C-alpha atoms as a PDB file:
ATOM      1  CA  MET A   1      36.737-245.857  37.182  1.00  0.00           C
ATOM      2  CA  SER A   2      34.721-248.718  35.655  1.00  0.00           C
ATOM      3  CA  VAL A   3      34.535-249.232  31.919  1.00  0.00           C
ATOM      4  CA  ARG A   4      30.991-249.438  30.591  1.00  0.00           C
ATOM      5  CA  THR A   5      30.005-251.559  27.615  1.00  0.00           C
ATOM      6  CA  GLY A   6      26.610-251.331  25.965  1.00  0.00           C
ATOM      7  CA  ALA A   7      24.870-252.842  22.962  1.00  0.00           C
ATOM      8  CA  LEU A   8      21.901-251.934  20.801  1.00  0.00           C
ATOM      9  CA  LEU A   9      19.937-255.018  19.690  1.00  0.00           C
ATOM     10  CA  ILE A  10      17.508-254.742  16.780  1.00  0.00           C
ATOM     11  CA  HIS A  11      14.758-257.311  16.128  1.00  0.00           C
ATOM     12  CA  GLY A  12      13.502-258.670  12.818  1.00  0.00           C
ATOM     13  CA  LEU A  13      10.562-257.917  10.551  1.00  0.00           C
ATOM     14  CA  GLY A  14       7.226-258.385  12.304  1.00  0.00           C
ATOM     15  CA  GLY A  15       9.090-259.554  15.379  1.00  0.00           C
ATOM     16  CA  THR A  16      10.046-258.671  18.916  1.00  0.00           C
ATOM     17  CA  GLN A  17      13.037-259.332  21.122  1.00  0.00           C
ATOM     18  CA  PHE A  18      11.985-263.008  20.963  1.00  0.00           C
ATOM     19  CA  ASP A  19      13.853-263.009  17.633  1.00  0.00           C
ATOM     20  CA  LEU A  20      17.127-262.679  19.546  1.00  0.00           C
ATOM     21  CA  GLY A  21      16.475-265.572  21.920  1.00  0.00           C
ATOM     22  CA  SER A  22      18.626-265.426  25.049  1.00  0.00           C
ATOM     23  CA  MET A  23      21.039-262.847  23.622  1.00  0.00           C
ATOM     24  CA  HIS A  24      20.002-260.019  25.952  1.00  0.00           C
ATOM     25  CA  LYS A  25      20.269-262.193  29.054  1.00  0.00           C
ATOM     26  CA  VAL A  26      23.604-263.756  28.095  1.00  0.00           C
ATOM     27  CA  LEU A  27      25.222-260.430  27.260  1.00  0.00           C
ATOM     28  CA  GLN A  28      23.940-258.849  30.468  1.00  0.00           C
ATOM     29  CA  ARG A  29      25.492-261.673  32.482  1.00  0.00           C
ATOM     30  CA  ALA A  30      28.785-261.001  30.712  1.00  0.00           C
ATOM     31  CA  GLY A  31      28.631-257.347  31.743  1.00  0.00           C
ATOM     32  CA  VAL A  32      27.131-255.760  28.632  1.00  0.00           C
ATOM     33  CA  GLU A  33      24.212-253.384  29.163  1.00  0.00           C
ATOM     34  CA  THR A  34      21.786-254.239  26.369  1.00  0.00           C
ATOM     35  CA  HIS A  35      19.145-251.987  24.887  1.00  0.00           C
ATOM     36  CA  ALA A  36      16.185-253.062  22.779  1.00  0.00           C
ATOM     37  CA  VAL A  37      14.409-250.904  20.264  1.00  0.00           C
ATOM     38  CA  THR A  38      10.877-251.591  19.007  1.00  0.00           C
ATOM     39  CA  LEU A  39      10.811-250.622  15.357  1.00  0.00           C
ATOM     40  CA  PRO A  40       8.015-248.349  14.073  1.00  0.00           C
ATOM     41  CA  GLY A  41       4.941-250.359  13.071  1.00  0.00           C
ATOM     42  CA  HIS A  42       5.795-253.169  15.499  1.00  0.00           C
ATOM     43  CA  GLY A  43       4.304-254.067  18.844  1.00  0.00           C
ATOM     44  CA  GLY A  44       0.741-253.541  17.640  1.00  0.00           C
ATOM     45  CA  GLN A  45      -1.046-254.977  14.611  1.00  0.00           C
ATOM     46  CA  PRO A  46       0.374-255.989  11.195  1.00  0.00           C
ATOM     47  CA  GLU A  47      -1.720-253.296   9.543  1.00  0.00           C
ATOM     48  CA  ASP A  48       0.441-250.735  11.348  1.00  0.00           C
ATOM     49  CA  LEU A  49       3.266-251.579   8.916  1.00  0.00           C
ATOM     50  CA  VAL A  50       1.422-250.519   5.752  1.00  0.00           C
ATOM     51  CA  THR A  51       2.563-246.897   5.832  1.00  0.00           C
ATOM     52  CA  VAL A  52       5.963-247.377   7.479  1.00  0.00           C
ATOM     53  CA  SER A  53       9.119-246.767   5.437  1.00  0.00           C
ATOM     54  CA  TYR A  54      12.600-248.119   6.016  1.00  0.00           C
ATOM     55  CA  GLU A  55      13.644-244.530   6.695  1.00  0.00           C
ATOM     56  CA  ASP A  56      11.280-244.569   9.701  1.00  0.00           C
ATOM     57  CA  TRP A  57      13.038-247.674  11.035  1.00  0.00           C
ATOM     58  CA  LEU A  58      16.487-246.263  10.375  1.00  0.00           C
ATOM     59  CA  ASP A  59      15.663-242.894  11.938  1.00  0.00           C
ATOM     60  CA  ALA A  60      14.339-244.636  15.068  1.00  0.00           C
ATOM     61  CA  ILE A  61      17.473-246.699  15.643  1.00  0.00           C
ATOM     62  CA  THR A  62      19.688-243.728  14.776  1.00  0.00           C
ATOM     63  CA  ALA A  63      17.979-241.704  17.503  1.00  0.00           C
ATOM     64  CA  SER A  64      18.517-244.567  19.982  1.00  0.00           C
ATOM     65  CA  TYR A  65      22.152-244.841  18.953  1.00  0.00           C
ATOM     66  CA  HIS A  66      22.842-241.138  19.426  1.00  0.00           C
ATOM     67  CA  GLU A  67      21.147-241.229  22.834  1.00  0.00           C
ATOM     68  CA  LEU A  68      22.911-244.359  24.093  1.00  0.00           C
ATOM     69  CA  ALA A  69      26.370-244.516  22.524  1.00  0.00           C
ATOM     70  CA  PRO A  70      27.814-241.481  24.379  1.00  0.00           C
ATOM     71  CA  GLN A  71      27.024-243.183  27.712  1.00  0.00           C
ATOM     72  CA  TYR A  72      29.478-246.035  27.051  1.00  0.00           C
ATOM     73  CA  ASP A  73      33.184-246.577  26.541  1.00  0.00           C
ATOM     74  CA  THR A  74      32.366-249.393  24.113  1.00  0.00           C
ATOM     75  CA  PHE A  75      29.070-249.685  22.282  1.00  0.00           C
ATOM     76  CA  HIS A  76      28.164-252.582  20.007  1.00  0.00           C
ATOM     77  CA  VAL A  77      25.398-252.862  17.418  1.00  0.00           C
ATOM     78  CA  MET A  78      23.583-256.127  16.645  1.00  0.00           C
ATOM     79  CA  GLY A  79      20.630-257.014  14.449  1.00  0.00           C
ATOM     80  CA  MET A  80      18.612-260.062  13.451  1.00  0.00           C
ATOM     81  CA  CYS A  81      17.188-260.432   9.914  1.00  0.00           C
ATOM     82  CA  LEU A  82      15.690-257.017   9.045  1.00  0.00           C
ATOM     83  CA  GLY A  83      17.470-255.780  12.162  1.00  0.00           C
ATOM     84  CA  SER A  84      20.806-256.806  10.668  1.00  0.00           C
ATOM     85  CA  LEU A  85      20.133-254.798   7.515  1.00  0.00           C
ATOM     86  CA  LEU A  86      19.233-251.816   9.686  1.00  0.00           C
ATOM     87  CA  ALA A  87      22.353-252.361  11.793  1.00  0.00           C
ATOM     88  CA  LEU A  88      24.469-252.259   8.642  1.00  0.00           C
ATOM     89  CA  ALA A  89      22.742-249.092   7.398  1.00  0.00           C
ATOM     90  CA  LEU A  90      23.085-247.510  10.842  1.00  0.00           C
ATOM     91  CA  CYS A  91      26.799-248.215  11.091  1.00  0.00           C
ATOM     92  CA  GLU A  92      27.307-246.709   7.652  1.00  0.00           C
ATOM     93  CA  ARG A  93      25.234-243.641   8.532  1.00  0.00           C
ATOM     94  CA  VAL A  94      26.885-242.847  11.884  1.00  0.00           C
ATOM     95  CA  ARG A  95      30.334-244.141  10.888  1.00  0.00           C
ATOM     96  CA  HIS A  96      30.244-246.452  13.867  1.00  0.00           C
ATOM     97  CA  SER A  97      33.671-246.942  15.443  1.00  0.00           C
ATOM     98  CA  LYS A  98      32.897-247.271  19.144  1.00  0.00           C
ATOM     99  CA  GLY A  99      32.422-251.027  19.058  1.00  0.00           C
ATOM    100  CA  ASN A 100      31.660-254.005  16.873  1.00  0.00           C
ATOM    101  CA  LEU A 101      28.786-254.921  14.559  1.00  0.00           C
ATOM    102  CA  VAL A 102      26.987-258.282  14.545  1.00  0.00           C
ATOM    103  CA  THR A 103      24.632-259.275  11.728  1.00  0.00           C
ATOM    104  CA  LEU A 104      22.521-262.370  12.374  1.00  0.00           C
ATOM    105  CA  ALA A 105      20.977-263.992   9.270  1.00  0.00           C
ATOM    106  CA  PRO A 106      21.244-260.822   7.167  1.00  0.00           C
ATOM    107  CA  PRO A 107      18.867-261.058   4.154  1.00  0.00           C
ATOM    108  CA  VAL A 108      20.956-259.011   1.747  1.00  0.00           C
ATOM    109  CA  PHE A 109      19.474-261.293  -0.902  1.00  0.00           C
ATOM    110  CA  ILE A 110      16.036-262.886  -0.563  1.00  0.00           C
ATOM    111  CA  ASP A 111      16.846-266.109  -2.354  1.00  0.00           C
ATOM    112  CA  GLY A 112      16.611-268.955   0.170  1.00  0.00           C
ATOM    113  CA  TRP A 113      15.322-272.429  -0.619  1.00  0.00           C
ATOM    114  CA  SER A 114      11.741-271.739   0.528  1.00  0.00           C
ATOM    115  CA  THR A 115      11.282-268.570  -1.532  1.00  0.00           C
ATOM    116  CA  PRO A 116       9.052-269.298  -4.562  1.00  0.00           C
ATOM    117  CA  TRP A 117      10.327-269.092  -8.129  1.00  0.00           C
ATOM    118  CA  TYR A 118       7.946-266.203  -8.778  1.00  0.00           C
ATOM    119  CA  ARG A 119       9.351-264.087  -5.929  1.00  0.00           C
ATOM    120  CA  GLN A 120      10.697-261.477  -8.342  1.00  0.00           C
ATOM    121  CA  LEU A 121       7.142-260.730  -9.516  1.00  0.00           C
ATOM    122  CA  ARG A 122       6.603-258.780  -6.308  1.00  0.00           C
ATOM    123  CA  HIS A 123       8.546-255.932  -7.880  1.00  0.00           C
ATOM    124  CA  LEU A 124       5.812-255.617 -10.520  1.00  0.00           C
ATOM    125  CA  VAL A 125       3.045-255.724  -7.904  1.00  0.00           C
ATOM    126  CA  TYR A 126       4.693-252.796  -6.091  1.00  0.00           C
ATOM    127  CA  TRP A 127       3.656-250.573  -9.004  1.00  0.00           C
ATOM    128  CA  ILE A 128      -0.054-251.468  -8.860  1.00  0.00           C
ATOM    129  CA  PRO A 129      -1.692-248.683  -6.813  1.00  0.00           C
ATOM    130  CA  GLY A 130      -2.869-249.884  -3.398  1.00  0.00           C
ATOM    131  CA  MET A 131      -2.103-253.536  -4.070  1.00  0.00           C
ATOM    132  CA  SER A 132       0.992-253.905  -1.888  1.00  0.00           C
ATOM    133  CA  GLY A 133      -0.908-252.493   1.079  1.00  0.00           C
ATOM    134  CA  ARG A 134      -3.670-255.098   0.711  1.00  0.00           C
ATOM    135  CA  MET A 135      -1.600-258.199  -0.011  1.00  0.00           C
ATOM    136  CA  LYS A 136      -0.502-260.268   2.982  1.00  0.00           C
ATOM    137  CA  VAL A 137       2.720-262.244   3.279  1.00  0.00           C
ATOM    138  CA  GLU A 138       1.919-265.003   5.763  1.00  0.00           C
ATOM    139  CA  GLU A 139       4.264-266.579   8.289  1.00  0.00           C
ATOM    140  CA  ASP A 140       4.149-270.296   7.632  1.00  0.00           C
ATOM    141  CA  GLU A 141       6.002-273.479   8.489  1.00  0.00           C
ATOM    142  CA  PRO A 142       8.822-274.027   9.119  1.00  0.00           C
ATOM    143  CA  PHE A 143       8.714-270.505  10.657  1.00  0.00           C
ATOM    144  CA  GLY A 144      12.467-270.222  10.086  1.00  0.00           C
ATOM    145  CA  ILE A 145      13.143-272.983  12.611  1.00  0.00           C
ATOM    146  CA  LYS A 146      14.646-276.406  11.921  1.00  0.00           C
ATOM    147  CA  ASN A 147      14.329-277.695  15.497  1.00  0.00           C
ATOM    148  CA  ALA A 148      11.044-279.617  15.644  1.00  0.00           C
ATOM    149  CA  THR A 149      10.442-278.951  19.342  1.00  0.00           C
ATOM    150  CA  VAL A 150      10.978-275.198  19.105  1.00  0.00           C
ATOM    151  CA  ARG A 151       8.951-275.047  15.893  1.00  0.00           C
ATOM    152  CA  ALA A 152       6.017-276.732  17.635  1.00  0.00           C
ATOM    153  CA  ILE A 153       6.219-274.167  20.443  1.00  0.00           C
ATOM    154  CA  VAL A 154       6.192-271.309  17.949  1.00  0.00           C
ATOM    155  CA  LYS A 155       3.249-272.860  16.078  1.00  0.00           C
ATOM    156  CA  ALA A 156       1.316-273.121  19.352  1.00  0.00           C
ATOM    157  CA  LYS A 157       2.092-269.487  20.160  1.00  0.00           C
ATOM    158  CA  PHE A 158       0.690-268.416  16.799  1.00  0.00           C
ATOM    159  CA  ALA A 159      -2.416-270.561  17.363  1.00  0.00           C
ATOM    160  CA  ARG A 160      -2.997-268.875  20.747  1.00  0.00           C
ATOM    161  CA  GLY A 161      -2.481-265.454  19.248  1.00  0.00           C
ATOM    162  CA  ASP A 162       0.514-264.618  21.439  1.00  0.00           C
ATOM    163  CA  ASN A 163       1.915-261.210  20.575  1.00  0.00           C
ATOM    164  CA  PHE A 164       5.512-262.327  20.041  1.00  0.00           C
ATOM    165  CA  HIS A 165       5.533-262.037  16.253  1.00  0.00           C
ATOM    166  CA  TYR A 166       3.117-260.850  13.580  1.00  0.00           C
ATOM    167  CA  ARG A 167       1.272-263.695  11.822  1.00  0.00           C
ATOM    168  CA  TRP A 168       1.643-261.823   8.548  1.00  0.00           C
ATOM    169  CA  VAL A 169       3.097-258.596   7.156  1.00  0.00           C
ATOM    170  CA  PRO A 170       1.793-256.459   4.278  1.00  0.00           C
ATOM    171  CA  LEU A 171       3.628-256.718   0.965  1.00  0.00           C
ATOM    172  CA  ALA A 172       4.213-252.959   1.258  1.00  0.00           C
ATOM    173  CA  CYS A 173       6.525-253.788   4.123  1.00  0.00           C
ATOM    174  CA  ILE A 174       8.529-256.219   1.979  1.00  0.00           C
ATOM    175  CA  ARG A 175       8.946-253.378  -0.501  1.00  0.00           C
ATOM    176  CA  GLN A 176      10.645-251.372   2.238  1.00  0.00           C
ATOM    177  CA  VAL A 177      12.935-254.297   2.987  1.00  0.00           C
ATOM    178  CA  ASP A 178      13.851-254.417  -0.709  1.00  0.00           C
ATOM    179  CA  ARG A 179      14.637-250.704  -0.673  1.00  0.00           C
ATOM    180  CA  LEU A 180      16.789-251.203   2.413  1.00  0.00           C
ATOM    181  CA  ARG A 181      18.595-254.132   0.791  1.00  0.00           C
ATOM    182  CA  LYS A 182      19.578-251.884  -2.110  1.00  0.00           C
ATOM    183  CA  LYS A 183      20.966-249.343   0.338  1.00  0.00           C
ATOM    184  CA  VAL A 184      23.055-252.001   2.065  1.00  0.00           C
ATOM    185  CA  LEU A 185      24.310-253.379  -1.250  1.00  0.00           C
ATOM    186  CA  ALA A 186      25.455-249.906  -2.248  1.00  0.00           C
ATOM    187  CA  GLY A 187      26.965-248.798   1.054  1.00  0.00           C
ATOM    188  CA  ALA A 188      28.391-251.833   2.845  1.00  0.00           C
ATOM    189  CA  HIS A 189      31.932-251.089   1.713  1.00  0.00           C
ATOM    190  CA  LYS A 190      31.846-247.862   3.744  1.00  0.00           C
ATOM    191  CA  ILE A 191      31.465-249.695   7.080  1.00  0.00           C
ATOM    192  CA  SER A 192      34.816-249.809   8.856  1.00  0.00           C
ATOM    193  CA  CYS A 193      34.027-251.402  12.245  1.00  0.00           C
ATOM    194  CA  PRO A 194      34.823-255.087  12.895  1.00  0.00           C
ATOM    195  CA  THR A 195      31.810-257.126  11.784  1.00  0.00           C
ATOM    196  CA  LEU A 196      30.607-260.639  12.546  1.00  0.00           C
ATOM    197  CA  VAL A 197      28.219-262.290  10.097  1.00  0.00           C
ATOM    198  CA  VAL A 198      26.334-265.330  11.421  1.00  0.00           C
ATOM    199  CA  HIS A 199      24.507-267.269   8.721  1.00  0.00           C
ATOM    200  CA  ALA A 200      22.904-270.703   8.487  1.00  0.00           C
ATOM    201  CA  ARG A 201      23.798-272.756   5.431  1.00  0.00           C
ATOM    202  CA  GLU A 202      20.166-273.959   5.219  1.00  0.00           C
ATOM    203  CA  ASP A 203      18.549-270.552   5.795  1.00  0.00           C
ATOM    204  CA  GLU A 204      15.253-270.805   3.931  1.00  0.00           C
ATOM    205  CA  LEU A 205      14.925-267.037   3.422  1.00  0.00           C
ATOM    206  CA  THR A 206      18.403-265.952   2.360  1.00  0.00           C
ATOM    207  CA  SER A 207      21.193-268.032   0.868  1.00  0.00           C
ATOM    208  CA  MET A 208      24.895-268.005   1.719  1.00  0.00           C
ATOM    209  CA  LYS A 209      25.245-265.426  -1.048  1.00  0.00           C
ATOM    210  CA  SER A 210      24.343-262.778   1.551  1.00  0.00           C
ATOM    211  CA  ALA A 211      27.182-263.777   3.886  1.00  0.00           C
ATOM    212  CA  GLU A 212      29.602-264.059   0.969  1.00  0.00           C
ATOM    213  CA  PHE A 213      28.696-260.570  -0.218  1.00  0.00           C
ATOM    214  CA  LEU A 214      29.287-259.039   3.220  1.00  0.00           C
ATOM    215  CA  LEU A 215      32.570-260.894   3.656  1.00  0.00           C
ATOM    216  CA  ALA A 216      33.779-259.465   0.351  1.00  0.00           C
ATOM    217  CA  ALA A 217      32.341-255.955   0.774  1.00  0.00           C
ATOM    218  CA  LEU A 218      33.158-255.145   4.387  1.00  0.00           C
ATOM    219  CA  PRO A 219      36.751-254.137   5.147  1.00  0.00           C
ATOM    220  CA  ASP A 220      36.881-256.081   8.442  1.00  0.00           C
ATOM    221  CA  ALA A 221      34.438-258.999   8.453  1.00  0.00           C
ATOM    222  CA  ARG A 222      34.363-262.607   9.557  1.00  0.00           C
ATOM    223  CA  VAL A 223      31.662-265.224   8.952  1.00  0.00           C
ATOM    224  CA  VAL A 224      30.345-268.017  11.161  1.00  0.00           C
ATOM    225  CA  VAL A 225      28.416-270.657   9.213  1.00  0.00           C
ATOM    226  CA  LEU A 226      25.791-272.701  11.059  1.00  0.00           C
ATOM    227  CA  GLU A 227      25.175-276.242   9.877  1.00  0.00           C
ATOM    228  CA  ASN A 228      21.969-277.198  11.726  1.00  0.00           C
ATOM    229  CA  SER A 229      19.604-274.217  11.645  1.00  0.00           C
ATOM    230  CA  TYR A 230      17.239-272.326   9.400  1.00  0.00           C
ATOM    231  CA  HIS A 231      16.684-268.557   9.477  1.00  0.00           C
ATOM    232  CA  MET A 232      15.851-267.904  13.153  1.00  0.00           C
ATOM    233  CA  VAL A 233      19.390-268.645  14.305  1.00  0.00           C
ATOM    234  CA  CYS A 234      19.018-267.360  17.873  1.00  0.00           C
ATOM    235  CA  VAL A 235      16.329-269.904  18.788  1.00  0.00           C
ATOM    236  CA  ASP A 236      17.228-272.855  16.560  1.00  0.00           C
ATOM    237  CA  ASN A 237      19.553-275.854  16.962  1.00  0.00           C
ATOM    238  CA  ASP A 238      22.771-273.821  16.769  1.00  0.00           C
ATOM    239  CA  ARG A 239      21.689-271.130  19.235  1.00  0.00           C
ATOM    240  CA  GLU A 240      24.483-272.024  21.650  1.00  0.00           C
ATOM    241  CA  GLN A 241      27.051-271.594  18.878  1.00  0.00           C
ATOM    242  CA  VAL A 242      25.484-268.247  17.965  1.00  0.00           C
ATOM    243  CA  VAL A 243      25.723-266.973  21.540  1.00  0.00           C
ATOM    244  CA  ASN A 244      29.310-268.156  21.951  1.00  0.00           C
ATOM    245  CA  SER A 245      30.363-266.647  18.634  1.00  0.00           C
ATOM    246  CA  VAL A 246      29.007-263.273  19.737  1.00  0.00           C
ATOM    247  CA  LEU A 247      30.575-263.503  23.199  1.00  0.00           C
ATOM    248  CA  GLU A 248      33.979-264.339  21.730  1.00  0.00           C
ATOM    249  CA  PHE A 249      33.660-261.567  19.149  1.00  0.00           C
ATOM    250  CA  PHE A 250      32.983-259.086  21.945  1.00  0.00           C
ATOM    251  CA  GLY A 251      35.939-260.403  23.947  1.00  0.00           C
ATOM    252  CA  TYR A 252      34.120-262.495  26.558  1.00  0.00           C
ATOM    253  CA  PRO A 253      34.543-266.184  27.433  1.00  0.00           C
ATOM    254  CA  SER A 254      32.187-268.716  25.900  1.00  0.00           C
ATOM    255  CA  LEU A 255      29.460-270.370  27.904  1.00  0.00           C
ATOM    256  CA  PRO A 256      30.230-273.868  29.178  1.00  0.00           C
ATOM    257  CA  PRO A 257      28.817-276.561  26.877  1.00  0.00           C
ATOM    258  CA  ARG A 258      25.462-278.022  27.759  1.00  0.00           C
ATOM    259  CA  ARG A 259      23.020-280.323  26.059  1.00  0.00           C
ATOM    260  CA  VAL A 260      20.111-278.388  24.583  1.00  0.00           C
ATOM    261  CA  ARG A 261      16.851-280.315  24.940  1.00  0.00           C
ATOM    262  CA  GLY A 262      15.422-281.215  21.573  1.00  0.00           C
ATOM    263  CA  ALA A 263      18.489-280.017  19.675  1.00  0.00           C
ATOM    264  CA  ASP A 264      18.831-283.308  17.801  1.00  0.00           C
ATOM    265  CA  LYS A 265      15.198-283.450  16.718  1.00  0.00           C
ATOM    266  CA  ALA A 266      15.637-281.640  13.448  1.00  0.00           C
END
């Protein structure tokens, strides 16, 4: 009787499965059946996010988890950016013990080097009626990517209007991320499954403080620090290291080394 292994992969804010790079393909080749979930408010227009709450996101992935997890002997949970916060909240909610948890660039704190000094003022704007629904938070260079070649590709995709990532998100959506961050800060210590935290030292959105918090709060956590990437770790210079770290964490052999075109053009 064959042993089945599955994984639920959760994308980032305003994103799609592009956020996770080759992760689906690599895991499938290793024998892991991967499942993607499109979060509420995604896959359409940025305006769709105005009325969405973090509870809507969490309920959606909880429903997917309860549908999928019973089908497997081992079932892992993985998230990127917002997806990693949701993965943490999910594992706390369902008391996940059927597999491991991977958090990629988890923004437990929004305090990276590109965040403006006035970032905390957003909490005041939240209280102005209707304002957070009208204000736009634009995606801008470096788009979370240190690799110049990949960044140019992403910039061209935005210019063409490709539907791989929202060009902006409403501030109301950032408010939901802040609410979710508070939930993770309060409940991380309740997560018992083995957890891998992958974080870039130069992440422009969230500093190493996020990884340090999770390492201290989670009962069974390990951290991989990337030295040549920004926030979008699955598509940046260290993407091969990210993939191999996940494979090893799940108990699979690493991919053979190969030269990644453009990896040195930071």
